[in-house]
Amino acid sequence: YYTCCPEPYVDITFTLHIRRRTLYY
């Protein structure tokens, strides 16, 4: 809910969780 508008705004948020492989470094 934003302060400018009383209507709700819906979003879908995906979080890509990745881990670096350290062999090269």
mmCIF file of all heavy atoms, coordinates in Angstrom:
data_MODEL
# 
_entry.id   MODEL 
# 
loop_
_atom_site.group_PDB 
_atom_site.id 
_atom_site.type_symbol 
_atom_site.label_atom_id 
_atom_site.label_alt_id 
_atom_site.label_comp_id 
_atom_site.label_asym_id 
_atom_site.label_entity_id 
_atom_site.label_seq_id 
_atom_site.pdbx_PDB_ins_code 
_atom_site.Cartn_x 
_atom_site.Cartn_y 
_atom_site.Cartn_z 
_atom_site.occupancy 
_atom_site.B_iso_or_equiv 
_atom_site.pdbx_formal_charge 
_atom_site.auth_seq_id 
_atom_site.auth_comp_id 
_atom_site.auth_asym_id 
_atom_site.auth_atom_id 
_atom_site.pdbx_PDB_model_num 
ATOM 1   N N   . TYR A 1 1  ? 0.862  -1.187  0.000   1.00 0.00 ? 1  TYR A N   1 
ATOM 2   C CA  . TYR A 1 1  ? 0.000  0.000   0.000   1.00 0.00 ? 1  TYR A CA  1 
ATOM 3   C C   . TYR A 1 1  ? 0.898  1.237   0.000   1.00 0.00 ? 1  TYR A C   1 
ATOM 4   O O   . TYR A 1 1  ? 1.719  1.432   0.905   1.00 0.00 ? 1  TYR A O   1 
ATOM 5   C CB  . TYR A 1 1  ? -0.898 0.018   1.234   1.00 0.00 ? 1  TYR A CB  1 
ATOM 6   C CG  . TYR A 1 1  ? -1.983 -1.042  1.201   1.00 0.00 ? 1  TYR A CG  1 
ATOM 7   C CD1 . TYR A 1 1  ? -1.751 -2.308  1.718   1.00 0.00 ? 1  TYR A CD1 1 
ATOM 8   C CD2 . TYR A 1 1  ? -3.245 -0.759  0.674   1.00 0.00 ? 1  TYR A CD2 1 
ATOM 9   C CE1 . TYR A 1 1  ? -2.737 -3.271  1.705   1.00 0.00 ? 1  TYR A CE1 1 
ATOM 10  C CE2 . TYR A 1 1  ? -4.243 -1.722  0.662   1.00 0.00 ? 1  TYR A CE2 1 
ATOM 11  C CZ  . TYR A 1 1  ? -3.987 -2.980  1.167   1.00 0.00 ? 1  TYR A CZ  1 
ATOM 12  O OH  . TYR A 1 1  ? -4.980 -3.936  1.136   1.00 0.00 ? 1  TYR A OH  1 
ATOM 13  N N   . TYR A 1 2  ? 0.778  2.035   -1.015  1.00 0.00 ? 2  TYR A N   1 
ATOM 14  C CA  . TYR A 1 2  ? 1.562  3.253   -1.122  1.00 0.00 ? 2  TYR A CA  1 
ATOM 15  C C   . TYR A 1 2  ? 0.806  4.429   -0.504  1.00 0.00 ? 2  TYR A C   1 
ATOM 16  O O   . TYR A 1 2  ? -0.435 4.414   -0.403  1.00 0.00 ? 2  TYR A O   1 
ATOM 17  C CB  . TYR A 1 2  ? 1.891  3.563   -2.583  1.00 0.00 ? 2  TYR A CB  1 
ATOM 18  C CG  . TYR A 1 2  ? 2.786  2.509   -3.222  1.00 0.00 ? 2  TYR A CG  1 
ATOM 19  C CD1 . TYR A 1 2  ? 2.236  1.523   -4.029  1.00 0.00 ? 2  TYR A CD1 1 
ATOM 20  C CD2 . TYR A 1 2  ? 4.156  2.516   -3.007  1.00 0.00 ? 2  TYR A CD2 1 
ATOM 21  C CE1 . TYR A 1 2  ? 3.047  0.553   -4.627  1.00 0.00 ? 2  TYR A CE1 1 
ATOM 22  C CE2 . TYR A 1 2  ? 4.977  1.559   -3.593  1.00 0.00 ? 2  TYR A CE2 1 
ATOM 23  C CZ  . TYR A 1 2  ? 4.406  0.578   -4.398  1.00 0.00 ? 2  TYR A CZ  1 
ATOM 24  O OH  . TYR A 1 2  ? 5.204  -0.378  -4.971  1.00 0.00 ? 2  TYR A OH  1 
ATOM 25  N N   . THR A 1 3  ? 1.546  5.423   -0.102  1.00 0.00 ? 3  THR A N   1 
ATOM 26  C CA  . THR A 1 3  ? 0.923  6.585   0.545   1.00 0.00 ? 3  THR A CA  1 
ATOM 27  C C   . THR A 1 3  ? 0.083  7.408   -0.429  1.00 0.00 ? 3  THR A C   1 
ATOM 28  O O   . THR A 1 3  ? -0.827 8.119   -0.018  1.00 0.00 ? 3  THR A O   1 
ATOM 29  C CB  . THR A 1 3  ? 2.013  7.480   1.161   1.00 0.00 ? 3  THR A CB  1 
ATOM 30  O OG1 . THR A 1 3  ? 2.943  7.854   0.139   1.00 0.00 ? 3  THR A OG1 1 
ATOM 31  C CG2 . THR A 1 3  ? 2.753  6.735   2.266   1.00 0.00 ? 3  THR A CG2 1 
ATOM 32  N N   . CYS A 1 4  ? 0.410  7.274   -1.716  1.00 0.00 ? 4  CYS A N   1 
ATOM 33  C CA  . CYS A 1 4  ? -0.321 8.080   -2.695  1.00 0.00 ? 4  CYS A CA  1 
ATOM 34  C C   . CYS A 1 4  ? -1.700 7.523   -3.009  1.00 0.00 ? 4  CYS A C   1 
ATOM 35  O O   . CYS A 1 4  ? -2.617 8.262   -3.368  1.00 0.00 ? 4  CYS A O   1 
ATOM 36  C CB  . CYS A 1 4  ? 0.477  8.188   -3.993  1.00 0.00 ? 4  CYS A CB  1 
ATOM 37  S SG  . CYS A 1 4  ? 0.714  6.604   -4.818  1.00 0.00 ? 4  CYS A SG  1 
ATOM 38  N N   . CYS A 1 5  ? -1.840 6.200   -2.872  1.00 0.00 ? 5  CYS A N   1 
ATOM 39  C CA  . CYS A 1 5  ? -3.055 5.550   -3.360  1.00 0.00 ? 5  CYS A CA  1 
ATOM 40  C C   . CYS A 1 5  ? -3.585 4.580   -2.304  1.00 0.00 ? 5  CYS A C   1 
ATOM 41  O O   . CYS A 1 5  ? -2.798 3.881   -1.650  1.00 0.00 ? 5  CYS A O   1 
ATOM 42  C CB  . CYS A 1 5  ? -2.787 4.798   -4.655  1.00 0.00 ? 5  CYS A CB  1 
ATOM 43  S SG  . CYS A 1 5  ? -1.903 5.780   -5.905  1.00 0.00 ? 5  CYS A SG  1 
ATOM 44  N N   . PRO A 1 6  ? -4.904 4.506   -2.166  1.00 0.00 ? 6  PRO A N   1 
ATOM 45  C CA  . PRO A 1 6  ? -5.473 3.568   -1.188  1.00 0.00 ? 6  PRO A CA  1 
ATOM 46  C C   . PRO A 1 6  ? -5.541 2.137   -1.712  1.00 0.00 ? 6  PRO A C   1 
ATOM 47  O O   . PRO A 1 6  ? -5.749 1.202   -0.927  1.00 0.00 ? 6  PRO A O   1 
ATOM 48  C CB  . PRO A 1 6  ? -6.883 4.132   -0.944  1.00 0.00 ? 6  PRO A CB  1 
ATOM 49  C CG  . PRO A 1 6  ? -7.227 4.841   -2.223  1.00 0.00 ? 6  PRO A CG  1 
ATOM 50  C CD  . PRO A 1 6  ? -5.941 5.382   -2.757  1.00 0.00 ? 6  PRO A CD  1 
ATOM 51  N N   . GLU A 1 7  ? -5.405 1.938   -3.033  1.00 0.00 ? 7  GLU A N   1 
ATOM 52  C CA  . GLU A 1 7  ? -5.520 0.597   -3.590  1.00 0.00 ? 7  GLU A CA  1 
ATOM 53  C C   . GLU A 1 7  ? -4.263 -0.214  -3.300  1.00 0.00 ? 7  GLU A C   1 
ATOM 54  O O   . GLU A 1 7  ? -3.159 0.322   -3.262  1.00 0.00 ? 7  GLU A O   1 
ATOM 55  C CB  . GLU A 1 7  ? -5.738 0.652   -5.112  1.00 0.00 ? 7  GLU A CB  1 
ATOM 56  C CG  . GLU A 1 7  ? -7.007 1.358   -5.546  1.00 0.00 ? 7  GLU A CG  1 
ATOM 57  C CD  . GLU A 1 7  ? -6.808 2.865   -5.634  1.00 0.00 ? 7  GLU A CD  1 
ATOM 58  O OE1 . GLU A 1 7  ? -5.648 3.316   -5.403  1.00 0.00 ? 7  GLU A OE1 1 
ATOM 59  O OE2 . GLU A 1 7  ? -7.787 3.581   -5.889  1.00 0.00 ? 7  GLU A OE2 1 
ATOM 60  N N   . PRO A 1 8  ? -4.429 -1.506  -3.110  1.00 0.00 ? 8  PRO A N   1 
ATOM 61  C CA  . PRO A 1 8  ? -3.254 -2.365  -2.932  1.00 0.00 ? 8  PRO A CA  1 
ATOM 62  C C   . PRO A 1 8  ? -2.594 -2.669  -4.284  1.00 0.00 ? 8  PRO A C   1 
ATOM 63  O O   . PRO A 1 8  ? -3.263 -2.729  -5.320  1.00 0.00 ? 8  PRO A O   1 
ATOM 64  C CB  . PRO A 1 8  ? -3.839 -3.630  -2.299  1.00 0.00 ? 8  PRO A CB  1 
ATOM 65  C CG  . PRO A 1 8  ? -5.237 -3.681  -2.821  1.00 0.00 ? 8  PRO A CG  1 
ATOM 66  C CD  . PRO A 1 8  ? -5.702 -2.259  -2.970  1.00 0.00 ? 8  PRO A CD  1 
ATOM 67  N N   . TYR A 1 9  ? -1.301 -2.848  -4.251  1.00 0.00 ? 9  TYR A N   1 
ATOM 68  C CA  . TYR A 1 9  ? -0.544 -3.218  -5.439  1.00 0.00 ? 9  TYR A CA  1 
ATOM 69  C C   . TYR A 1 9  ? 0.181  -4.535  -5.144  1.00 0.00 ? 9  TYR A C   1 
ATOM 70  O O   . TYR A 1 9  ? 0.913  -4.658  -4.167  1.00 0.00 ? 9  TYR A O   1 
ATOM 71  C CB  . TYR A 1 9  ? 0.455  -2.131  -5.826  1.00 0.00 ? 9  TYR A CB  1 
ATOM 72  C CG  . TYR A 1 9  ? -0.212 -0.910  -6.419  1.00 0.00 ? 9  TYR A CG  1 
ATOM 73  C CD1 . TYR A 1 9  ? -0.693 0.105   -5.595  1.00 0.00 ? 9  TYR A CD1 1 
ATOM 74  C CD2 . TYR A 1 9  ? -0.379 -0.788  -7.786  1.00 0.00 ? 9  TYR A CD2 1 
ATOM 75  C CE1 . TYR A 1 9  ? -1.318 1.220   -6.130  1.00 0.00 ? 9  TYR A CE1 1 
ATOM 76  C CE2 . TYR A 1 9  ? -0.993 0.330   -8.340  1.00 0.00 ? 9  TYR A CE2 1 
ATOM 77  C CZ  . TYR A 1 9  ? -1.464 1.327   -7.508  1.00 0.00 ? 9  TYR A CZ  1 
ATOM 78  O OH  . TYR A 1 9  ? -2.094 2.431   -8.045  1.00 0.00 ? 9  TYR A OH  1 
ATOM 79  N N   . VAL A 1 10 ? -0.086 -5.497  -6.027  1.00 0.00 ? 10 VAL A N   1 
ATOM 80  C CA  . VAL A 1 10 ? 0.405  -6.862  -5.821  1.00 0.00 ? 10 VAL A CA  1 
ATOM 81  C C   . VAL A 1 10 ? 1.573  -7.126  -6.762  1.00 0.00 ? 10 VAL A C   1 
ATOM 82  O O   . VAL A 1 10 ? 1.547  -6.739  -7.935  1.00 0.00 ? 10 VAL A O   1 
ATOM 83  C CB  . VAL A 1 10 ? -0.722 -7.888  -6.068  1.00 0.00 ? 10 VAL A CB  1 
ATOM 84  C CG1 . VAL A 1 10 ? -0.230 -9.297  -5.753  1.00 0.00 ? 10 VAL A CG1 1 
ATOM 85  C CG2 . VAL A 1 10 ? -1.943 -7.549  -5.221  1.00 0.00 ? 10 VAL A CG2 1 
ATOM 86  N N   . ASP A 1 11 ? 2.592  -7.767  -6.231  1.00 0.00 ? 11 ASP A N   1 
ATOM 87  C CA  . ASP A 1 11 ? 3.724  -8.188  -7.061  1.00 0.00 ? 11 ASP A CA  1 
ATOM 88  C C   . ASP A 1 11 ? 4.197  -9.553  -6.599  1.00 0.00 ? 11 ASP A C   1 
ATOM 89  O O   . ASP A 1 11 ? 3.961  -9.969  -5.467  1.00 0.00 ? 11 ASP A O   1 
ATOM 90  C CB  . ASP A 1 11 ? 4.874  -7.171  -6.992  1.00 0.00 ? 11 ASP A CB  1 
ATOM 91  C CG  . ASP A 1 11 ? 5.513  -7.102  -5.620  1.00 0.00 ? 11 ASP A CG  1 
ATOM 92  O OD1 . ASP A 1 11 ? 6.333  -7.985  -5.290  1.00 0.00 ? 11 ASP A OD1 1 
ATOM 93  O OD2 . ASP A 1 11 ? 5.173  -6.160  -4.852  1.00 0.00 ? 11 ASP A OD2 1 
ATOM 94  N N   . ILE A 1 12 ? 4.845  -10.244 -7.510  1.00 0.00 ? 12 ILE A N   1 
ATOM 95  C CA  . ILE A 1 12 ? 5.466  -11.541 -7.232  1.00 0.00 ? 12 ILE A CA  1 
ATOM 96  C C   . ILE A 1 12 ? 6.977  -11.351 -7.326  1.00 0.00 ? 12 ILE A C   1 
ATOM 97  O O   . ILE A 1 12 ? 7.500  -10.937 -8.366  1.00 0.00 ? 12 ILE A O   1 
ATOM 98  C CB  . ILE A 1 12 ? 5.008  -12.622 -8.221  1.00 0.00 ? 12 ILE A CB  1 
ATOM 99  C CG1 . ILE A 1 12 ? 3.478  -12.778 -8.165  1.00 0.00 ? 12 ILE A CG1 1 
ATOM 100 C CG2 . ILE A 1 12 ? 5.688  -13.947 -7.928  1.00 0.00 ? 12 ILE A CG2 1 
ATOM 101 C CD1 . ILE A 1 12 ? 2.957  -13.312 -6.860  1.00 0.00 ? 12 ILE A CD1 1 
ATOM 102 N N   . THR A 1 13 ? 7.670  -11.641 -6.235  1.00 0.00 ? 13 THR A N   1 
ATOM 103 C CA  . THR A 1 13 ? 9.119  -11.444 -6.179  1.00 0.00 ? 13 THR A CA  1 
ATOM 104 C C   . THR A 1 13 ? 9.803  -12.793 -6.003  1.00 0.00 ? 13 THR A C   1 
ATOM 105 O O   . THR A 1 13 ? 9.561  -13.490 -5.014  1.00 0.00 ? 13 THR A O   1 
ATOM 106 C CB  . THR A 1 13 ? 9.505  -10.512 -5.024  1.00 0.00 ? 13 THR A CB  1 
ATOM 107 O OG1 . THR A 1 13 ? 8.852  -9.243  -5.199  1.00 0.00 ? 13 THR A OG1 1 
ATOM 108 C CG2 . THR A 1 13 ? 11.000 -10.289 -4.993  1.00 0.00 ? 13 THR A CG2 1 
ATOM 109 N N   . PHE A 1 14 ? 10.648 -13.125 -6.963  1.00 0.00 ? 14 PHE A N   1 
ATOM 110 C CA  . PHE A 1 14 ? 11.469 -14.337 -6.886  1.00 0.00 ? 14 PHE A CA  1 
ATOM 111 C C   . PHE A 1 14 ? 12.895 -13.938 -6.514  1.00 0.00 ? 14 PHE A C   1 
ATOM 112 O O   . PHE A 1 14 ? 13.429 -12.938 -7.010  1.00 0.00 ? 14 PHE A O   1 
ATOM 113 C CB  . PHE A 1 14 ? 11.475 -15.075 -8.221  1.00 0.00 ? 14 PHE A CB  1 
ATOM 114 C CG  . PHE A 1 14 ? 10.189 -15.794 -8.517  1.00 0.00 ? 14 PHE A CG  1 
ATOM 115 C CD1 . PHE A 1 14 ? 9.154  -15.156 -9.180  1.00 0.00 ? 14 PHE A CD1 1 
ATOM 116 C CD2 . PHE A 1 14 ? 10.012 -17.112 -8.120  1.00 0.00 ? 14 PHE A CD2 1 
ATOM 117 C CE1 . PHE A 1 14 ? 7.972  -15.813 -9.456  1.00 0.00 ? 14 PHE A CE1 1 
ATOM 118 C CE2 . PHE A 1 14 ? 8.831  -17.768 -8.390  1.00 0.00 ? 14 PHE A CE2 1 
ATOM 119 C CZ  . PHE A 1 14 ? 7.801  -17.121 -9.059  1.00 0.00 ? 14 PHE A CZ  1 
ATOM 120 N N   . THR A 1 15 ? 13.503 -14.740 -5.660  1.00 0.00 ? 15 THR A N   1 
ATOM 121 C CA  . THR A 1 15 ? 14.871 -14.490 -5.200  1.00 0.00 ? 15 THR A CA  1 
ATOM 122 C C   . THR A 1 15 ? 15.767 -15.610 -5.682  1.00 0.00 ? 15 THR A C   1 
ATOM 123 O O   . THR A 1 15 ? 15.627 -16.762 -5.257  1.00 0.00 ? 15 THR A O   1 
ATOM 124 C CB  . THR A 1 15 ? 14.933 -14.389 -3.669  1.00 0.00 ? 15 THR A CB  1 
ATOM 125 O OG1 . THR A 1 15 ? 14.041 -13.363 -3.221  1.00 0.00 ? 15 THR A OG1 1 
ATOM 126 C CG2 . THR A 1 15 ? 16.348 -14.057 -3.205  1.00 0.00 ? 15 THR A CG2 1 
ATOM 127 N N   . LEU A 1 16 ? 16.688 -15.263 -6.562  1.00 0.00 ? 16 LEU A N   1 
ATOM 128 C CA  . LEU A 1 16 ? 17.642 -16.238 -7.089  1.00 0.00 ? 16 LEU A CA  1 
ATOM 129 C C   . LEU A 1 16 ? 18.848 -16.300 -6.152  1.00 0.00 ? 16 LEU A C   1 
ATOM 130 O O   . LEU A 1 16 ? 19.635 -15.355 -6.075  1.00 0.00 ? 16 LEU A O   1 
ATOM 131 C CB  . LEU A 1 16 ? 18.067 -15.837 -8.503  1.00 0.00 ? 16 LEU A CB  1 
ATOM 132 C CG  . LEU A 1 16 ? 19.051 -16.772 -9.213  1.00 0.00 ? 16 LEU A CG  1 
ATOM 133 C CD1 . LEU A 1 16 ? 18.429 -18.142 -9.430  1.00 0.00 ? 16 LEU A CD1 1 
ATOM 134 C CD2 . LEU A 1 16 ? 19.509 -16.174 -10.531 1.00 0.00 ? 16 LEU A CD2 1 
ATOM 135 N N   . HIS A 1 17 ? 18.971 -17.414 -5.450  1.00 0.00 ? 17 HIS A N   1 
ATOM 136 C CA  . HIS A 1 17 ? 20.063 -17.600 -4.495  1.00 0.00 ? 17 HIS A CA  1 
ATOM 137 C C   . HIS A 1 17 ? 21.131 -18.473 -5.149  1.00 0.00 ? 17 HIS A C   1 
ATOM 138 O O   . HIS A 1 17 ? 20.893 -19.654 -5.434  1.00 0.00 ? 17 HIS A O   1 
ATOM 139 C CB  . HIS A 1 17 ? 19.544 -18.258 -3.218  1.00 0.00 ? 17 HIS A CB  1 
ATOM 140 C CG  . HIS A 1 17 ? 20.566 -18.344 -2.135  1.00 0.00 ? 17 HIS A CG  1 
ATOM 141 N ND1 . HIS A 1 17 ? 20.373 -19.046 -0.963  1.00 0.00 ? 17 HIS A ND1 1 
ATOM 142 C CD2 . HIS A 1 17 ? 21.817 -17.805 -2.035  1.00 0.00 ? 17 HIS A CD2 1 
ATOM 143 C CE1 . HIS A 1 17 ? 21.444 -18.940 -0.205  1.00 0.00 ? 17 HIS A CE1 1 
ATOM 144 N NE2 . HIS A 1 17 ? 22.335 -18.195 -0.831  1.00 0.00 ? 17 HIS A NE2 1 
ATOM 145 N N   . ILE A 1 18 ? 22.306 -17.886 -5.385  1.00 0.00 ? 18 ILE A N   1 
ATOM 146 C CA  . ILE A 1 18 ? 23.397 -18.599 -6.041  1.00 0.00 ? 18 ILE A CA  1 
ATOM 147 C C   . ILE A 1 18 ? 24.657 -18.487 -5.204  1.00 0.00 ? 18 ILE A C   1 
ATOM 148 O O   . ILE A 1 18 ? 24.814 -17.561 -4.403  1.00 0.00 ? 18 ILE A O   1 
ATOM 149 C CB  . ILE A 1 18 ? 23.652 -18.049 -7.467  1.00 0.00 ? 18 ILE A CB  1 
ATOM 150 C CG1 . ILE A 1 18 ? 23.856 -16.536 -7.429  1.00 0.00 ? 18 ILE A CG1 1 
ATOM 151 C CG2 . ILE A 1 18 ? 22.526 -18.419 -8.398  1.00 0.00 ? 18 ILE A CG2 1 
ATOM 152 C CD1 . ILE A 1 18 ? 24.146 -15.917 -8.778  1.00 0.00 ? 18 ILE A CD1 1 
ATOM 153 N N   . ARG A 1 19 ? 25.544 -19.456 -5.393  1.00 0.00 ? 19 ARG A N   1 
ATOM 154 C CA  . ARG A 1 19 ? 26.809 -19.497 -4.646  1.00 0.00 ? 19 ARG A CA  1 
ATOM 155 C C   . ARG A 1 19 ? 27.944 -19.692 -5.633  1.00 0.00 ? 19 ARG A C   1 
ATOM 156 O O   . ARG A 1 19 ? 27.902 -20.559 -6.505  1.00 0.00 ? 19 ARG A O   1 
ATOM 157 C CB  . ARG A 1 19 ? 26.795 -20.619 -3.622  1.00 0.00 ? 19 ARG A CB  1 
ATOM 158 C CG  . ARG A 1 19 ? 28.089 -20.799 -2.838  1.00 0.00 ? 19 ARG A CG  1 
ATOM 159 C CD  . ARG A 1 19 ? 27.909 -21.816 -1.736  1.00 0.00 ? 19 ARG A CD  1 
ATOM 160 N NE  . ARG A 1 19 ? 26.941 -21.336 -0.754  1.00 0.00 ? 19 ARG A NE  1 
ATOM 161 C CZ  . ARG A 1 19 ? 26.419 -22.099 0.211   1.00 0.00 ? 19 ARG A CZ  1 
ATOM 162 N NH1 . ARG A 1 19 ? 26.766 -23.372 0.311   1.00 0.00 ? 19 ARG A NH1 1 
ATOM 163 N NH2 . ARG A 1 19 ? 25.551 -21.573 1.053   1.00 0.00 ? 19 ARG A NH2 1 
ATOM 164 N N   . ARG A 1 20 ? 29.003 -18.903 -5.458  1.00 0.00 ? 20 ARG A N   1 
ATOM 165 C CA  . ARG A 1 20 ? 30.118 -18.943 -6.394  1.00 0.00 ? 20 ARG A CA  1 
ATOM 166 C C   . ARG A 1 20 ? 30.987 -20.174 -6.152  1.00 0.00 ? 20 ARG A C   1 
ATOM 167 O O   . ARG A 1 20 ? 31.287 -20.533 -5.018  1.00 0.00 ? 20 ARG A O   1 
ATOM 168 C CB  . ARG A 1 20 ? 30.974 -17.684 -6.232  1.00 0.00 ? 20 ARG A CB  1 
ATOM 169 C CG  . ARG A 1 20 ? 31.999 -17.504 -7.346  1.00 0.00 ? 20 ARG A CG  1 
ATOM 170 C CD  . ARG A 1 20 ? 32.938 -16.352 -7.009  1.00 0.00 ? 20 ARG A CD  1 
ATOM 171 N NE  . ARG A 1 20 ? 32.219 -15.133 -6.753  1.00 0.00 ? 20 ARG A NE  1 
ATOM 172 C CZ  . ARG A 1 20 ? 31.904 -14.241 -7.696  1.00 0.00 ? 20 ARG A CZ  1 
ATOM 173 N NH1 . ARG A 1 20 ? 32.246 -14.466 -8.944  1.00 0.00 ? 20 ARG A NH1 1 
ATOM 174 N NH2 . ARG A 1 20 ? 31.242 -13.137 -7.380  1.00 0.00 ? 20 ARG A NH2 1 
ATOM 175 N N   . ARG A 1 21 ? 31.394 -20.790 -7.260  1.00 0.00 ? 21 ARG A N   1 
ATOM 176 C CA  . ARG A 1 21 ? 32.356 -21.872 -7.175  1.00 0.00 ? 21 ARG A CA  1 
ATOM 177 C C   . ARG A 1 21 ? 33.773 -21.281 -7.134  1.00 0.00 ? 21 ARG A C   1 
ATOM 178 O O   . ARG A 1 21 ? 34.124 -20.465 -7.977  1.00 0.00 ? 21 ARG A O   1 
ATOM 179 C CB  . ARG A 1 21 ? 32.223 -22.810 -8.377  1.00 0.00 ? 21 ARG A CB  1 
ATOM 180 C CG  . ARG A 1 21 ? 30.899 -23.571 -8.406  1.00 0.00 ? 21 ARG A CG  1 
ATOM 181 C CD  . ARG A 1 21 ? 30.860 -24.533 -9.574  1.00 0.00 ? 21 ARG A CD  1 
ATOM 182 N NE  . ARG A 1 21 ? 29.672 -25.376 -9.542  1.00 0.00 ? 21 ARG A NE  1 
ATOM 183 C CZ  . ARG A 1 21 ? 29.426 -26.340 -10.426 1.00 0.00 ? 21 ARG A CZ  1 
ATOM 184 N NH1 . ARG A 1 21 ? 30.283 -26.566 -11.403 1.00 0.00 ? 21 ARG A NH1 1 
ATOM 185 N NH2 . ARG A 1 21 ? 28.329 -27.058 -10.321 1.00 0.00 ? 21 ARG A NH2 1 
ATOM 186 N N   . THR A 1 22 ? 34.568 -21.725 -6.163  1.00 0.00 ? 22 THR A N   1 
ATOM 187 C CA  . THR A 1 22 ? 35.841 -21.062 -5.882  1.00 0.00 ? 22 THR A CA  1 
ATOM 188 C C   . THR A 1 22 ? 37.037 -21.770 -6.500  1.00 0.00 ? 22 THR A C   1 
ATOM 189 O O   . THR A 1 22 ? 38.172 -21.344 -6.281  1.00 0.00 ? 22 THR A O   1 
ATOM 190 C CB  . THR A 1 22 ? 36.055 -20.979 -4.368  1.00 0.00 ? 22 THR A CB  1 
ATOM 191 O OG1 . THR A 1 22 ? 36.025 -22.303 -3.817  1.00 0.00 ? 22 THR A OG1 1 
ATOM 192 C CG2 . THR A 1 22 ? 34.961 -20.151 -3.716  1.00 0.00 ? 22 THR A CG2 1 
ATOM 193 N N   . LEU A 1 23 ? 36.823 -22.844 -7.254  1.00 0.00 ? 23 LEU A N   1 
ATOM 194 C CA  . LEU A 1 23 ? 37.959 -23.581 -7.801  1.00 0.00 ? 23 LEU A CA  1 
ATOM 195 C C   . LEU A 1 23 ? 38.761 -22.721 -8.769  1.00 0.00 ? 23 LEU A C   1 
ATOM 196 O O   . LEU A 1 23 ? 39.999 -22.694 -8.726  1.00 0.00 ? 23 LEU A O   1 
ATOM 197 C CB  . LEU A 1 23 ? 37.466 -24.847 -8.500  1.00 0.00 ? 23 LEU A CB  1 
ATOM 198 C CG  . LEU A 1 23 ? 38.543 -25.791 -9.039  1.00 0.00 ? 23 LEU A CG  1 
ATOM 199 C CD1 . LEU A 1 23 ? 39.408 -26.311 -7.896  1.00 0.00 ? 23 LEU A CD1 1 
ATOM 200 C CD2 . LEU A 1 23 ? 37.915 -26.946 -9.800  1.00 0.00 ? 23 LEU A CD2 1 
ATOM 201 N N   . TYR A 1 24 ? 38.095 -21.999 -9.641  1.00 0.00 ? 24 TYR A N   1 
ATOM 202 C CA  . TYR A 1 24 ? 38.781 -21.152 -10.622 1.00 0.00 ? 24 TYR A CA  1 
ATOM 203 C C   . TYR A 1 24 ? 39.575 -20.053 -9.928  1.00 0.00 ? 24 TYR A C   1 
ATOM 204 O O   . TYR A 1 24 ? 40.752 -19.820 -10.241 1.00 0.00 ? 24 TYR A O   1 
ATOM 205 C CB  . TYR A 1 24 ? 37.750 -20.553 -11.573 1.00 0.00 ? 24 TYR A CB  1 
ATOM 206 C CG  . TYR A 1 24 ? 38.305 -19.497 -12.495 1.00 0.00 ? 24 TYR A CG  1 
ATOM 207 C CD1 . TYR A 1 24 ? 38.991 -19.838 -13.655 1.00 0.00 ? 24 TYR A CD1 1 
ATOM 208 C CD2 . TYR A 1 24 ? 38.149 -18.144 -12.201 1.00 0.00 ? 24 TYR A CD2 1 
ATOM 209 C CE1 . TYR A 1 24 ? 39.509 -18.870 -14.493 1.00 0.00 ? 24 TYR A CE1 1 
ATOM 210 C CE2 . TYR A 1 24 ? 38.659 -17.164 -13.042 1.00 0.00 ? 24 TYR A CE2 1 
ATOM 211 C CZ  . TYR A 1 24 ? 39.335 -17.538 -14.176 1.00 0.00 ? 24 TYR A CZ  1 
ATOM 212 O OH  . TYR A 1 24 ? 39.847 -16.573 -15.002 1.00 0.00 ? 24 TYR A OH  1 
ATOM 213 N N   . TYR A 1 25 ? 38.949 -19.373 -8.975  1.00 0.00 ? 25 TYR A N   1 
ATOM 214 C CA  . TYR A 1 25 ? 39.625 -18.278 -8.286  1.00 0.00 ? 25 TYR A CA  1 
ATOM 215 C C   . TYR A 1 25 ? 40.720 -18.801 -7.355  1.00 0.00 ? 25 TYR A C   1 
ATOM 216 O O   . TYR A 1 25 ? 41.702 -18.102 -7.097  1.00 0.00 ? 25 TYR A O   1 
ATOM 217 C CB  . TYR A 1 25 ? 38.617 -17.455 -7.502  1.00 0.00 ? 25 TYR A CB  1 
ATOM 218 C CG  . TYR A 1 25 ? 37.620 -16.766 -8.374  1.00 0.00 ? 25 TYR A CG  1 
ATOM 219 C CD1 . TYR A 1 25 ? 36.387 -17.343 -8.654  1.00 0.00 ? 25 TYR A CD1 1 
ATOM 220 C CD2 . TYR A 1 25 ? 37.901 -15.537 -8.957  1.00 0.00 ? 25 TYR A CD2 1 
ATOM 221 C CE1 . TYR A 1 25 ? 35.467 -16.711 -9.476  1.00 0.00 ? 25 TYR A CE1 1 
ATOM 222 C CE2 . TYR A 1 25 ? 36.990 -14.904 -9.785  1.00 0.00 ? 25 TYR A CE2 1 
ATOM 223 C CZ  . TYR A 1 25 ? 35.772 -15.497 -10.034 1.00 0.00 ? 25 TYR A CZ  1 
ATOM 224 O OH  . TYR A 1 25 ? 34.863 -14.877 -10.850 1.00 0.00 ? 25 TYR A OH  1 
# 
